[in-house]
């Protein structure tokens, strides 16, 4: 009977630790999406230095957003992937030479977008 009591006590201890671990894990995983969801970016304030210097994300990611923004203004739903890549490189070269300019102003200067 003493062995049974000791086994029950050991099982209870293991269960208590397991429940504590699972609770902590659920809490930790639940907090992660909330923290990530709070990141906001005002693209109109991104400088060429931030764009070309990979300081926010890759230039490709920003260029994709910019392409969508300006295509939407023109009601254009087609993406020319080759042209997008070329335009990204052109914008990146311009931005390296003009780091203080806002990237949206650079797009307007280079490509005539408004």
PDB file of N, CA and C in Angstrom:
ATOM      1  N   UNK A   1       0.823  -1.189   0.000  1.00  0.00           N
ATOM      2  CA  UNK A   1       0.000   0.000   0.000  1.00  0.00           C
ATOM      3  C   UNK A   1       0.871   1.258   0.000  1.00  0.00           C
ATOM      4  N   UNK A   2       2.014   1.198   0.688  1.00  0.00           N
ATOM      5  CA  UNK A   2       2.918   2.353   0.730  1.00  0.00           C
ATOM      6  C   UNK A   2       3.492   2.602  -0.653  1.00  0.00           C
ATOM      7  N   UNK A   3       3.809   1.534  -1.383  1.00  0.00           N
ATOM      8  CA  UNK A   3       4.336   1.676  -2.745  1.00  0.00           C
ATOM      9  C   UNK A   3       3.295   2.339  -3.652  1.00  0.00           C
ATOM     10  N   UNK A   4       2.044   1.994  -3.474  1.00  0.00           N
ATOM     11  CA  UNK A   4       0.970   2.581  -4.274  1.00  0.00           C
ATOM     12  C   UNK A   4       0.830   4.062  -3.959  1.00  0.00           C
ATOM     13  N   UNK A   5       0.933   4.439  -2.677  1.00  0.00           N
ATOM     14  CA  UNK A   5       0.854   5.840  -2.283  1.00  0.00           C
ATOM     15  C   UNK A   5       2.022   6.627  -2.859  1.00  0.00           C
ATOM     16  N   UNK A   6       3.210   6.034  -2.859  1.00  0.00           N
ATOM     17  CA  UNK A   6       4.390   6.714  -3.407  1.00  0.00           C
ATOM     18  C   UNK A   6       4.249   6.881  -4.922  1.00  0.00           C
ATOM     19  N   UNK A   7       3.727   5.860  -5.596  1.00  0.00           N
ATOM     20  CA  UNK A   7       3.522   5.942  -7.048  1.00  0.00           C
ATOM     21  C   UNK A   7       2.498   7.028  -7.362  1.00  0.00           C
ATOM     22  N   UNK A   8       1.432   7.102  -6.601  1.00  0.00           N
ATOM     23  CA  UNK A   8       0.406   8.126  -6.820  1.00  0.00           C
ATOM     24  C   UNK A   8       0.986   9.515  -6.601  1.00  0.00           C
ATOM     25  N   UNK A   9       1.807   9.664  -5.573  1.00  0.00           N
ATOM     26  CA  UNK A   9       2.420  10.959  -5.285  1.00  0.00           C
ATOM     27  C   UNK A   9       3.360  11.356  -6.421  1.00  0.00           C
ATOM     28  N   UNK A  10       4.122  10.390  -6.953  1.00  0.00           N
ATOM     29  CA  UNK A  10       5.040  10.672  -8.055  1.00  0.00           C
ATOM     30  C   UNK A  10       4.257  11.059  -9.312  1.00  0.00           C
ATOM     31  N   UNK A  11       3.168  10.345  -9.615  1.00  0.00           N
ATOM     32  CA  UNK A  11       2.340  10.664 -10.778  1.00  0.00           C
ATOM     33  C   UNK A  11       1.716  12.045 -10.636  1.00  0.00           C
ATOM     34  N   UNK A  12       1.282  12.374  -9.423  1.00  0.00           N
ATOM     35  CA  UNK A  12       0.677  13.684  -9.190  1.00  0.00           C
ATOM     36  C   UNK A  12       1.703  14.795  -9.408  1.00  0.00           C
ATOM     37  N   UNK A  13       2.931  14.560  -8.968  1.00  0.00           N
ATOM     38  CA  UNK A  13       3.993  15.543  -9.128  1.00  0.00           C
ATOM     39  C   UNK A  13       4.305  15.750 -10.620  1.00  0.00           C
ATOM     40  N   UNK A  14       4.360  14.661 -11.360  1.00  0.00           N
ATOM     41  CA  UNK A  14       4.616  14.748 -12.796  1.00  0.00           C
ATOM     42  C   UNK A  14       3.475  15.490 -13.493  1.00  0.00           C
ATOM     43  N   UNK A  15       2.246  15.171 -13.135  1.00  0.00           N
ATOM     44  CA  UNK A  15       1.088  15.829 -13.740  1.00  0.00           C
ATOM     45  C   UNK A  15       1.081  17.324 -13.437  1.00  0.00           C
ATOM     46  N   UNK A  16       1.428  17.693 -12.215  1.00  0.00           N
ATOM     47  CA  UNK A  16       1.468  19.099 -11.824  1.00  0.00           C
ATOM     48  C   UNK A  16       2.492  19.848 -12.666  1.00  0.00           C
ATOM     49  N   UNK A  17       3.661  19.249 -12.855  1.00  0.00           N
ATOM     50  CA  UNK A  17       4.696  19.883 -13.675  1.00  0.00           C
ATOM     51  C   UNK A  17       4.245  19.973 -15.130  1.00  0.00           C
ATOM     52  N   UNK A  18       3.612  18.925 -15.632  1.00  0.00           N
ATOM     53  CA  UNK A  18       3.156  18.909 -17.018  1.00  0.00           C
ATOM     54  C   UNK A  18       2.085  19.977 -17.249  1.00  0.00           C
ATOM     55  N   UNK A  19       1.154  20.086 -16.333  1.00  0.00           N
ATOM     56  CA  UNK A  19       0.098  21.094 -16.452  1.00  0.00           C
ATOM     57  C   UNK A  19       0.711  22.496 -16.410  1.00  0.00           C
ATOM     58  N   UNK A  20       1.674  22.689 -15.531  1.00  0.00           N
ATOM     59  CA  UNK A  20       2.351  23.985 -15.441  1.00  0.00           C
ATOM     60  C   UNK A  20       3.086  24.320 -16.726  1.00  0.00           C
ATOM     61  N   UNK A  21       3.778  23.335 -17.285  1.00  0.00           N
ATOM     62  CA  UNK A  21       4.513  23.537 -18.527  1.00  0.00           C
ATOM     63  C   UNK A  21       3.562  23.857 -19.677  1.00  0.00           C
ATOM     64  N   UNK A  22       2.517  23.087 -19.816  1.00  0.00           N
ATOM     65  CA  UNK A  22       1.544  23.298 -20.891  1.00  0.00           C
ATOM     66  C   UNK A  22       0.880  24.669 -20.746  1.00  0.00           C
ATOM     67  N   UNK A  23       0.553  25.064 -19.535  1.00  0.00           N
ATOM     68  CA  UNK A  23      -0.053  26.373 -19.307  1.00  0.00           C
ATOM     69  C   UNK A  23       0.897  27.489 -19.721  1.00  0.00           C
ATOM     70  N   UNK A  24       2.168  27.348 -19.346  1.00  0.00           N
ATOM     71  CA  UNK A  24       3.168  28.360 -19.712  1.00  0.00           C
ATOM     72  C   UNK A  24       3.352  28.419 -21.222  1.00  0.00           C
ATOM     73  N   UNK A  25       3.353  27.261 -21.857  1.00  0.00           N
ATOM     74  CA  UNK A  25       3.514  27.201 -23.304  1.00  0.00           C
ATOM     75  C   UNK A  25       2.340  27.873 -24.016  1.00  0.00           C
ATOM     76  N   UNK A  26       1.140  27.597 -23.581  1.00  0.00           N
ATOM     77  CA  UNK A  26      -0.054  28.208 -24.180  1.00  0.00           C
ATOM     78  C   UNK A  26      -0.012  29.727 -23.998  1.00  0.00           C
ATOM     79  N   UNK A  27       0.379  30.174 -22.820  1.00  0.00           N
ATOM     80  CA  UNK A  27       0.476  31.607 -22.560  1.00  0.00           C
ATOM     81  C   UNK A  27       1.521  32.247 -23.466  1.00  0.00           C
ATOM     82  N   UNK A  28       2.681  31.611 -23.588  1.00  0.00           N
ATOM     83  CA  UNK A  28       3.764  32.163 -24.407  1.00  0.00           C
ATOM     84  C   UNK A  28       3.365  32.222 -25.876  1.00  0.00           C
ATOM     85  N   UNK A  29       2.773  31.171 -26.378  1.00  0.00           N
ATOM     86  CA  UNK A  29       2.365  31.149 -27.784  1.00  0.00           C
ATOM     87  C   UNK A  29       1.223  32.119 -28.053  1.00  0.00           C
ATOM     88  N   UNK A  30       0.378  32.329 -27.090  1.00  0.00           N
ATOM     89  CA  UNK A  30      -0.722  33.276 -27.247  1.00  0.00           C
ATOM     90  C   UNK A  30      -0.235  34.712 -27.278  1.00  0.00           C
ATOM     91  N   UNK A  31       0.886  35.000 -26.634  1.00  0.00           N
ATOM     92  CA  UNK A  31       1.407  36.363 -26.571  1.00  0.00           C
ATOM     93  C   UNK A  31       2.157  36.738 -27.846  1.00  0.00           C
ATOM     94  N   UNK A  32       2.722  35.785 -28.549  1.00  0.00           N
ATOM     95  CA  UNK A  32       3.535  36.076 -29.718  1.00  0.00           C
ATOM     96  C   UNK A  32       2.742  36.768 -30.833  1.00  0.00           C
ATOM     97  N   UNK A  33       1.598  36.248 -31.275  1.00  0.00           N
ATOM     98  CA  UNK A  33       0.879  36.934 -32.341  1.00  0.00           C
ATOM     99  C   UNK A  33       0.450  38.350 -31.961  1.00  0.00           C
ATOM    100  N   UNK A  34       0.113  38.567 -30.728  1.00  0.00           N
ATOM    101  CA  UNK A  34      -0.308  39.906 -30.303  1.00  0.00           C
ATOM    102  C   UNK A  34       0.844  40.886 -30.433  1.00  0.00           C
ATOM    103  N   UNK A  35       2.052  40.456 -30.100  1.00  0.00           N
ATOM    104  CA  UNK A  35       3.210  41.333 -30.204  1.00  0.00           C
ATOM    105  C   UNK A  35       3.527  41.632 -31.669  1.00  0.00           C
ATOM    106  N   UNK A  36       3.416  40.653 -32.537  1.00  0.00           N
ATOM    107  CA  UNK A  36       3.722  40.847 -33.949  1.00  0.00           C
ATOM    108  C   UNK A  36       2.661  41.709 -34.633  1.00  0.00           C
ATOM    109  N   UNK A  37       1.450  41.634 -34.197  1.00  0.00           N
ATOM    110  CA  UNK A  37       0.362  42.363 -34.846  1.00  0.00           C
ATOM    111  C   UNK A  37       0.461  43.867 -34.612  1.00  0.00           C
ATOM    112  N   UNK A  38       1.273  44.293 -33.674  1.00  0.00           N
ATOM    113  CA  UNK A  38       1.359  45.702 -33.346  1.00  0.00           C
ATOM    114  C   UNK A  38       2.349  46.466 -34.214  1.00  0.00           C
ATOM    115  N   UNK A  39       3.055  45.815 -35.119  1.00  0.00           N
ATOM    116  CA  UNK A  39       4.037  46.472 -35.965  1.00  0.00           C
ATOM    117  C   UNK A  39       3.325  47.154 -37.127  1.00  0.00           C
ATOM    118  N   UNK A  40       3.508  48.450 -37.227  1.00  0.00           N
ATOM    119  CA  UNK A  40       2.897  49.238 -38.297  1.00  0.00           C
ATOM    120  C   UNK A  40       4.020  49.994 -39.004  1.00  0.00           C
ATOM    121  N   UNK A  41       3.861  50.208 -40.286  1.00  0.00           N
ATOM    122  CA  UNK A  41       4.878  50.882 -41.073  1.00  0.00           C
ATOM    123  C   UNK A  41       4.211  51.903 -41.995  1.00  0.00           C
ATOM    124  N   UNK A  42       4.636  53.139 -41.889  1.00  0.00           N
ATOM    125  CA  UNK A  42       4.142  54.187 -42.781  1.00  0.00           C
ATOM    126  C   UNK A  42       5.127  54.276 -43.950  1.00  0.00           C
ATOM    127  N   UNK A  43       4.762  53.702 -45.072  1.00  0.00           N
ATOM    128  CA  UNK A  43       5.663  53.611 -46.219  1.00  0.00           C
ATOM    129  C   UNK A  43       6.033  54.996 -46.744  1.00  0.00           C
ATOM    130  N   UNK A  44       5.165  55.966 -46.579  1.00  0.00           N
ATOM    131  CA  UNK A  44       5.457  57.321 -47.073  1.00  0.00           C
ATOM    132  C   UNK A  44       6.618  57.970 -46.321  1.00  0.00           C
ATOM    133  N   UNK A  45       7.043  57.388 -45.220  1.00  0.00           N
ATOM    134  CA  UNK A  45       8.147  57.950 -44.429  1.00  0.00           C
ATOM    135  C   UNK A  45       9.447  57.169 -44.574  1.00  0.00           C
ATOM    136  N   UNK A  46       9.454  56.134 -45.411  1.00  0.00           N
ATOM    137  CA  UNK A  46      10.680  55.349 -45.618  1.00  0.00           C
ATOM    138  C   UNK A  46      11.644  56.162 -46.471  1.00  0.00           C
ATOM    139  N   UNK A  47      12.867  56.306 -45.993  1.00  0.00           N
ATOM    140  CA  UNK A  47      13.888  57.028 -46.747  1.00  0.00           C
ATOM    141  C   UNK A  47      14.625  56.073 -47.677  1.00  0.00           C
ATOM    142  N   UNK A  48      15.315  56.649 -48.632  1.00  0.00           N
ATOM    143  CA  UNK A  48      16.134  55.834 -49.528  1.00  0.00           C
ATOM    144  C   UNK A  48      17.212  55.089 -48.749  1.00  0.00           C
ATOM    145  N   UNK A  49      17.743  55.724 -47.725  1.00  0.00           N
ATOM    146  CA  UNK A  49      18.750  55.060 -46.893  1.00  0.00           C
ATOM    147  C   UNK A  49      18.178  53.798 -46.248  1.00  0.00           C
ATOM    148  N   UNK A  50      16.968  53.888 -45.742  1.00  0.00           N
ATOM    149  CA  UNK A  50      16.319  52.720 -45.134  1.00  0.00           C
ATOM    150  C   UNK A  50      16.006  51.659 -46.189  1.00  0.00           C
ATOM    151  N   UNK A  51      15.592  52.101 -47.376  1.00  0.00           N
ATOM    152  CA  UNK A  51      15.250  51.186 -48.464  1.00  0.00           C
ATOM    153  C   UNK A  51      16.485  50.431 -48.950  1.00  0.00           C
ATOM    154  N   UNK A  52      17.500  51.175 -49.370  1.00  0.00           N
ATOM    155  CA  UNK A  52      18.693  50.559 -49.961  1.00  0.00           C
ATOM    156  C   UNK A  52      19.582  49.884 -48.914  1.00  0.00           C
ATOM    157  N   UNK A  53      19.453  50.305 -47.670  1.00  0.00           N
ATOM    158  CA  UNK A  53      20.288  49.752 -46.608  1.00  0.00           C
ATOM    159  C   UNK A  53      19.676  48.572 -45.880  1.00  0.00           C
ATOM    160  N   UNK A  54      18.552  48.047 -46.378  1.00  0.00           N
ATOM    161  CA  UNK A  54      17.885  46.887 -45.761  1.00  0.00           C
ATOM    162  C   UNK A  54      17.558  47.151 -44.287  1.00  0.00           C
ATOM    163  N   UNK A  55      17.258  48.382 -43.925  1.00  0.00           N
ATOM    164  CA  UNK A  55      17.048  48.726 -42.518  1.00  0.00           C
ATOM    165  C   UNK A  55      15.654  48.402 -42.016  1.00  0.00           C
ATOM    166  N   UNK A  56      14.699  48.211 -42.910  1.00  0.00           N
ATOM    167  CA  UNK A  56      13.334  47.872 -42.511  1.00  0.00           C
ATOM    168  C   UNK A  56      13.012  46.450 -42.948  1.00  0.00           C
ATOM    169  N   UNK A  57      13.252  46.175 -44.202  1.00  0.00           N
ATOM    170  CA  UNK A  57      13.079  44.848 -44.807  1.00  0.00           C
ATOM    171  C   UNK A  57      13.881  44.868 -46.097  1.00  0.00           C
ATOM    172  N   UNK A  58      13.759  43.860 -46.890  1.00  0.00           N
ATOM    173  CA  UNK A  58      14.502  43.856 -48.151  1.00  0.00           C
ATOM    174  C   UNK A  58      13.908  44.877 -49.115  1.00  0.00           C
ATOM    175  N   UNK A  59      14.743  45.454 -49.985  1.00  0.00           N
ATOM    176  CA  UNK A  59      14.208  46.373 -50.990  1.00  0.00           C
ATOM    177  C   UNK A  59      13.128  45.707 -51.848  1.00  0.00           C
ATOM    178  N   UNK A  60      13.273  44.422 -52.112  1.00  0.00           N
ATOM    179  CA  UNK A  60      12.285  43.694 -52.916  1.00  0.00           C
ATOM    180  C   UNK A  60      10.903  43.749 -52.263  1.00  0.00           C
ATOM    181  N   UNK A  61      10.831  43.544 -50.947  1.00  0.00           N
ATOM    182  CA  UNK A  61       9.537  43.587 -50.249  1.00  0.00           C
ATOM    183  C   UNK A  61       8.891  44.963 -50.357  1.00  0.00           C
ATOM    184  N   UNK A  62       9.678  45.997 -50.182  1.00  0.00           N
ATOM    185  CA  UNK A  62       9.137  47.358 -50.271  1.00  0.00           C
ATOM    186  C   UNK A  62       8.731  47.663 -51.713  1.00  0.00           C
ATOM    187  N   UNK A  63       9.543  47.217 -52.663  1.00  0.00           N
ATOM    188  CA  UNK A  63       9.232  47.457 -54.080  1.00  0.00           C
ATOM    189  C   UNK A  63       7.931  46.769 -54.487  1.00  0.00           C
ATOM    190  N   UNK A  64       7.685  45.590 -53.952  1.00  0.00           N
ATOM    191  CA  UNK A  64       6.428  44.899 -54.253  1.00  0.00           C
ATOM    192  C   UNK A  64       5.249  45.719 -53.749  1.00  0.00           C
ATOM    193  N   UNK A  65       5.363  46.255 -52.542  1.00  0.00           N
ATOM    194  CA  UNK A  65       4.284  47.087 -51.995  1.00  0.00           C
ATOM    195  C   UNK A  65       4.103  48.337 -52.858  1.00  0.00           C
ATOM    196  N   UNK A  66       5.229  48.999 -53.187  1.00  0.00           N
ATOM    197  CA  UNK A  66       5.155  50.208 -54.009  1.00  0.00           C
ATOM    198  C   UNK A  66       4.525  49.913 -55.366  1.00  0.00           C
ATOM    199  N   UNK A  67       4.906  48.803 -55.959  1.00  0.00           N
ATOM    200  CA  UNK A  67       4.336  48.417 -57.247  1.00  0.00           C
ATOM    201  C   UNK A  67       2.820  48.252 -57.132  1.00  0.00           C
ATOM    202  N   UNK A  68       2.383  47.591 -56.088  1.00  0.00           N
ATOM    203  CA  UNK A  68       0.949  47.412 -55.873  1.00  0.00           C
ATOM    204  C   UNK A  68       0.237  48.735 -55.649  1.00  0.00           C
ATOM    205  N   UNK A  69       0.871  49.611 -54.891  1.00  0.00           N
ATOM    206  CA  UNK A  69       0.270  50.921 -54.600  1.00  0.00           C
ATOM    207  C   UNK A  69       0.072  51.723 -55.889  1.00  0.00           C
ATOM    208  N   UNK A  70       1.145  51.858 -56.673  1.00  0.00           N
ATOM    209  CA  UNK A  70       1.041  52.665 -57.889  1.00  0.00           C
ATOM    210  C   UNK A  70       0.210  51.972 -58.964  1.00  0.00           C
ATOM    211  N   UNK A  71       0.261  50.651 -59.043  1.00  0.00           N
ATOM    212  CA  UNK A  71      -0.593  49.926 -59.991  1.00  0.00           C
ATOM    213  C   UNK A  71      -2.061  50.108 -59.631  1.00  0.00           C
ATOM    214  N   UNK A  72      -2.370  50.099 -58.344  1.00  0.00           N
ATOM    215  CA  UNK A  72      -3.737  50.321 -57.888  1.00  0.00           C
ATOM    216  C   UNK A  72      -4.252  51.695 -58.259  1.00  0.00           C
ATOM    217  N   UNK A  73      -3.379  52.690 -58.179  1.00  0.00           N
ATOM    218  CA  UNK A  73      -3.778  54.046 -58.560  1.00  0.00           C
ATOM    219  C   UNK A  73      -4.111  54.133 -60.047  1.00  0.00           C
ATOM    220  N   UNK A  74      -3.477  53.258 -60.843  1.00  0.00           N
ATOM    221  CA  UNK A  74      -3.728  53.227 -62.291  1.00  0.00           C
ATOM    222  C   UNK A  74      -4.760  52.161 -62.665  1.00  0.00           C
ATOM    223  N   UNK A  75      -5.328  51.487 -61.689  1.00  0.00           N
ATOM    224  CA  UNK A  75      -6.267  50.376 -61.913  1.00  0.00           C
ATOM    225  C   UNK A  75      -5.637  49.262 -62.749  1.00  0.00           C
ATOM    226  N   UNK A  76      -4.369  49.041 -62.562  1.00  0.00           N
ATOM    227  CA  UNK A  76      -3.627  48.005 -63.282  1.00  0.00           C
ATOM    228  C   UNK A  76      -3.487  46.794 -62.366  1.00  0.00           C
ATOM    229  N   UNK A  77      -3.988  45.658 -62.793  1.00  0.00           N
ATOM    230  CA  UNK A  77      -3.937  44.450 -61.968  1.00  0.00           C
ATOM    231  C   UNK A  77      -2.887  43.450 -62.442  1.00  0.00           C
ATOM    232  N   UNK A  78      -2.053  43.851 -63.403  1.00  0.00           N
ATOM    233  CA  UNK A  78      -1.039  42.952 -63.964  1.00  0.00           C
ATOM    234  C   UNK A  78       0.334  43.320 -63.405  1.00  0.00           C
ATOM    235  N   UNK A  79       1.104  42.286 -63.018  1.00  0.00           N
ATOM    236  CA  UNK A  79       2.470  42.501 -62.529  1.00  0.00           C
ATOM    237  C   UNK A  79       3.438  41.903 -63.543  1.00  0.00           C
ATOM    238  N   UNK A  80       4.317  42.733 -64.071  1.00  0.00           N
ATOM    239  CA  UNK A  80       5.395  42.263 -64.943  1.00  0.00           C
ATOM    240  C   UNK A  80       6.594  42.011 -64.024  1.00  0.00           C
ATOM    241  N   UNK A  81       6.832  40.744 -63.700  1.00  0.00           N
ATOM    242  CA  UNK A  81       7.850  40.399 -62.706  1.00  0.00           C
ATOM    243  C   UNK A  81       9.254  40.807 -63.153  1.00  0.00           C
ATOM    244  N   UNK A  82       9.542  40.700 -64.439  1.00  0.00           N
ATOM    245  CA  UNK A  82      10.859  41.090 -64.929  1.00  0.00           C
ATOM    246  C   UNK A  82      11.052  42.597 -64.780  1.00  0.00           C
ATOM    247  N   UNK A  83      10.027  43.347 -65.165  1.00  0.00           N
ATOM    248  CA  UNK A  83      10.102  44.802 -65.046  1.00  0.00           C
ATOM    249  C   UNK A  83      10.183  45.224 -63.573  1.00  0.00           C
ATOM    250  N   UNK A  84       9.445  44.526 -62.705  1.00  0.00           N
ATOM    251  CA  UNK A  84       9.498  44.830 -61.278  1.00  0.00           C
ATOM    252  C   UNK A  84      10.921  44.652 -60.748  1.00  0.00           C
ATOM    253  N   UNK A  85      11.577  43.578 -61.140  1.00  0.00           N
ATOM    254  CA  UNK A  85      12.959  43.345 -60.719  1.00  0.00           C
ATOM    255  C   UNK A  85      13.898  44.425 -61.226  1.00  0.00           C
ATOM    256  N   UNK A  86      13.742  44.804 -62.488  1.00  0.00           N
ATOM    257  CA  UNK A  86      14.580  45.859 -63.069  1.00  0.00           C
ATOM    258  C   UNK A  86      14.331  47.194 -62.373  1.00  0.00           C
ATOM    259  N   UNK A  87      13.066  47.512 -62.145  1.00  0.00           N
ATOM    260  CA  UNK A  87      12.721  48.767 -61.476  1.00  0.00           C
ATOM    261  C   UNK A  87      13.245  48.805 -60.045  1.00  0.00           C
ATOM    262  N   UNK A  88      13.226  47.658 -59.377  1.00  0.00           N
ATOM    263  CA  UNK A  88      13.748  47.585 -58.009  1.00  0.00           C
ATOM    264  C   UNK A  88      15.233  47.906 -57.999  1.00  0.00           C
ATOM    265  N   UNK A  89      15.976  47.348 -58.943  1.00  0.00           N
ATOM    266  CA  UNK A  89      17.422  47.616 -59.022  1.00  0.00           C
ATOM    267  C   UNK A  89      17.690  49.075 -59.368  1.00  0.00           C
ATOM    268  N   UNK A  90      16.891  49.640 -60.274  1.00  0.00           N
ATOM    269  CA  UNK A  90      17.035  51.055 -60.639  1.00  0.00           C
ATOM    270  C   UNK A  90      16.782  51.944 -59.425  1.00  0.00           C
ATOM    271  N   UNK A  91      15.713  51.638 -58.689  1.00  0.00           N
ATOM    272  CA  UNK A  91      15.377  52.412 -57.487  1.00  0.00           C
ATOM    273  C   UNK A  91      16.462  52.259 -56.427  1.00  0.00           C
ATOM    274  N   UNK A  92      16.980  51.065 -56.276  1.00  0.00           N
ATOM    275  CA  UNK A  92      18.030  50.833 -55.281  1.00  0.00           C
ATOM    276  C   UNK A  92      19.291  51.634 -55.618  1.00  0.00           C
ATOM    277  N   UNK A  93      19.689  51.657 -56.896  1.00  0.00           N
ATOM    278  CA  UNK A  93      20.870  52.441 -57.310  1.00  0.00           C
ATOM    279  C   UNK A  93      20.640  53.935 -57.054  1.00  0.00           C
ATOM    280  N   UNK A  94      19.457  54.421 -57.393  1.00  0.00           N
ATOM    281  CA  UNK A  94      19.125  55.829 -57.163  1.00  0.00           C
ATOM    282  C   UNK A  94      19.177  56.154 -55.666  1.00  0.00           C
ATOM    283  N   UNK A  95      18.637  55.261 -54.874  1.00  0.00           N
ATOM    284  CA  UNK A  95      18.584  55.495 -53.436  1.00  0.00           C
ATOM    285  C   UNK A  95      19.969  55.474 -52.785  1.00  0.00           C
ATOM    286  N   UNK A  96      20.866  54.664 -53.305  1.00  0.00           N
ATOM    287  CA  UNK A  96      22.234  54.648 -52.774  1.00  0.00           C
ATOM    288  C   UNK A  96      22.889  56.007 -52.995  1.00  0.00           C
ATOM    289  N   UNK A  97      22.583  56.646 -54.124  1.00  0.00           N
ATOM    290  CA  UNK A  97      23.147  57.961 -54.439  1.00  0.00           C
ATOM    291  C   UNK A  97      22.403  59.116 -53.761  1.00  0.00           C
ATOM    292  N   UNK A  98      21.163  58.853 -53.310  1.00  0.00           N
ATOM    293  CA  UNK A  98      20.321  59.900 -52.701  1.00  0.00           C
ATOM    294  C   UNK A  98      19.675  59.380 -51.418  1.00  0.00           C
ATOM    295  N   UNK A  99      20.464  59.073 -50.406  1.00  0.00           N
ATOM    296  CA  UNK A  99      19.930  58.408 -49.213  1.00  0.00           C
ATOM    297  C   UNK A  99      18.929  59.230 -48.401  1.00  0.00           C
ATOM    298  N   UNK A 100      18.953  60.540 -48.512  1.00  0.00           N
ATOM    299  CA  UNK A 100      18.085  61.381 -47.694  1.00  0.00           C
ATOM    300  C   UNK A 100      16.667  61.517 -48.254  1.00  0.00           C
ATOM    301  N   UNK A 101      16.459  61.142 -49.508  1.00  0.00           N
ATOM    302  CA  UNK A 101      15.160  61.308 -50.165  1.00  0.00           C
ATOM    303  C   UNK A 101      14.183  60.231 -49.698  1.00  0.00           C
ATOM    304  N   UNK A 102      12.925  60.586 -49.590  1.00  0.00           N
ATOM    305  CA  UNK A 102      11.887  59.598 -49.286  1.00  0.00           C
ATOM    306  C   UNK A 102      11.728  58.676 -50.487  1.00  0.00           C
ATOM    307  N   UNK A 103      11.595  57.391 -50.229  1.00  0.00           N
ATOM    308  CA  UNK A 103      11.559  56.416 -51.318  1.00  0.00           C
ATOM    309  C   UNK A 103      10.367  56.651 -52.252  1.00  0.00           C
ATOM    310  N   UNK A 104       9.244  57.079 -51.745  1.00  0.00           N
ATOM    311  CA  UNK A 104       8.091  57.360 -52.618  1.00  0.00           C
ATOM    312  C   UNK A 104       8.382  58.557 -53.522  1.00  0.00           C
ATOM    313  N   UNK A 105       9.121  59.541 -53.027  1.00  0.00           N
ATOM    314  CA  UNK A 105       9.524  60.669 -53.873  1.00  0.00           C
ATOM    315  C   UNK A 105      10.515  60.199 -54.935  1.00  0.00           C
ATOM    316  N   UNK A 106      11.382  59.274 -54.569  1.00  0.00           N
ATOM    317  CA  UNK A 106      12.328  58.712 -55.533  1.00  0.00           C
ATOM    318  C   UNK A 106      11.590  57.990 -56.656  1.00  0.00           C
ATOM    319  N   UNK A 107      10.568  57.227 -56.308  1.00  0.00           N
ATOM    320  CA  UNK A 107       9.765  56.525 -57.320  1.00  0.00           C
ATOM    321  C   UNK A 107       9.126  57.527 -58.261  1.00  0.00           C
ATOM    322  N   UNK A 108       8.585  58.598 -57.719  1.00  0.00           N
ATOM    323  CA  UNK A 108       7.941  59.615 -58.539  1.00  0.00           C
ATOM    324  C   UNK A 108       8.943  60.295 -59.459  1.00  0.00           C
ATOM    325  N   UNK A 109      10.162  60.538 -58.961  1.00  0.00           N
ATOM    326  CA  UNK A 109      11.209  61.171 -59.767  1.00  0.00           C
ATOM    327  C   UNK A 109      11.690  60.254 -60.882  1.00  0.00           C
ATOM    328  N   UNK A 110      11.959  59.005 -60.562  1.00  0.00           N
ATOM    329  CA  UNK A 110      12.528  58.067 -61.529  1.00  0.00           C
ATOM    330  C   UNK A 110      11.498  57.620 -62.561  1.00  0.00           C
ATOM    331  N   UNK A 111      10.345  57.223 -62.080  1.00  0.00           N
ATOM    332  CA  UNK A 111       9.356  56.583 -62.955  1.00  0.00           C
ATOM    333  C   UNK A 111       8.188  57.485 -63.333  1.00  0.00           C
ATOM    334  N   UNK A 112       8.159  58.701 -62.820  1.00  0.00           N
ATOM    335  CA  UNK A 112       7.082  59.627 -63.157  1.00  0.00           C
ATOM    336  C   UNK A 112       5.751  59.262 -62.536  1.00  0.00           C
ATOM    337  N   UNK A 113       5.755  58.466 -61.468  1.00  0.00           N
ATOM    338  CA  UNK A 113       4.509  58.073 -60.797  1.00  0.00           C
ATOM    339  C   UNK A 113       4.010  59.224 -59.937  1.00  0.00           C
ATOM    340  N   UNK A 114       2.719  59.316 -59.818  1.00  0.00           N
ATOM    341  CA  UNK A 114       2.094  60.312 -58.934  1.00  0.00           C
ATOM    342  C   UNK A 114       0.951  59.666 -58.200  1.00  0.00           C
TER     343      UNK A 114
END
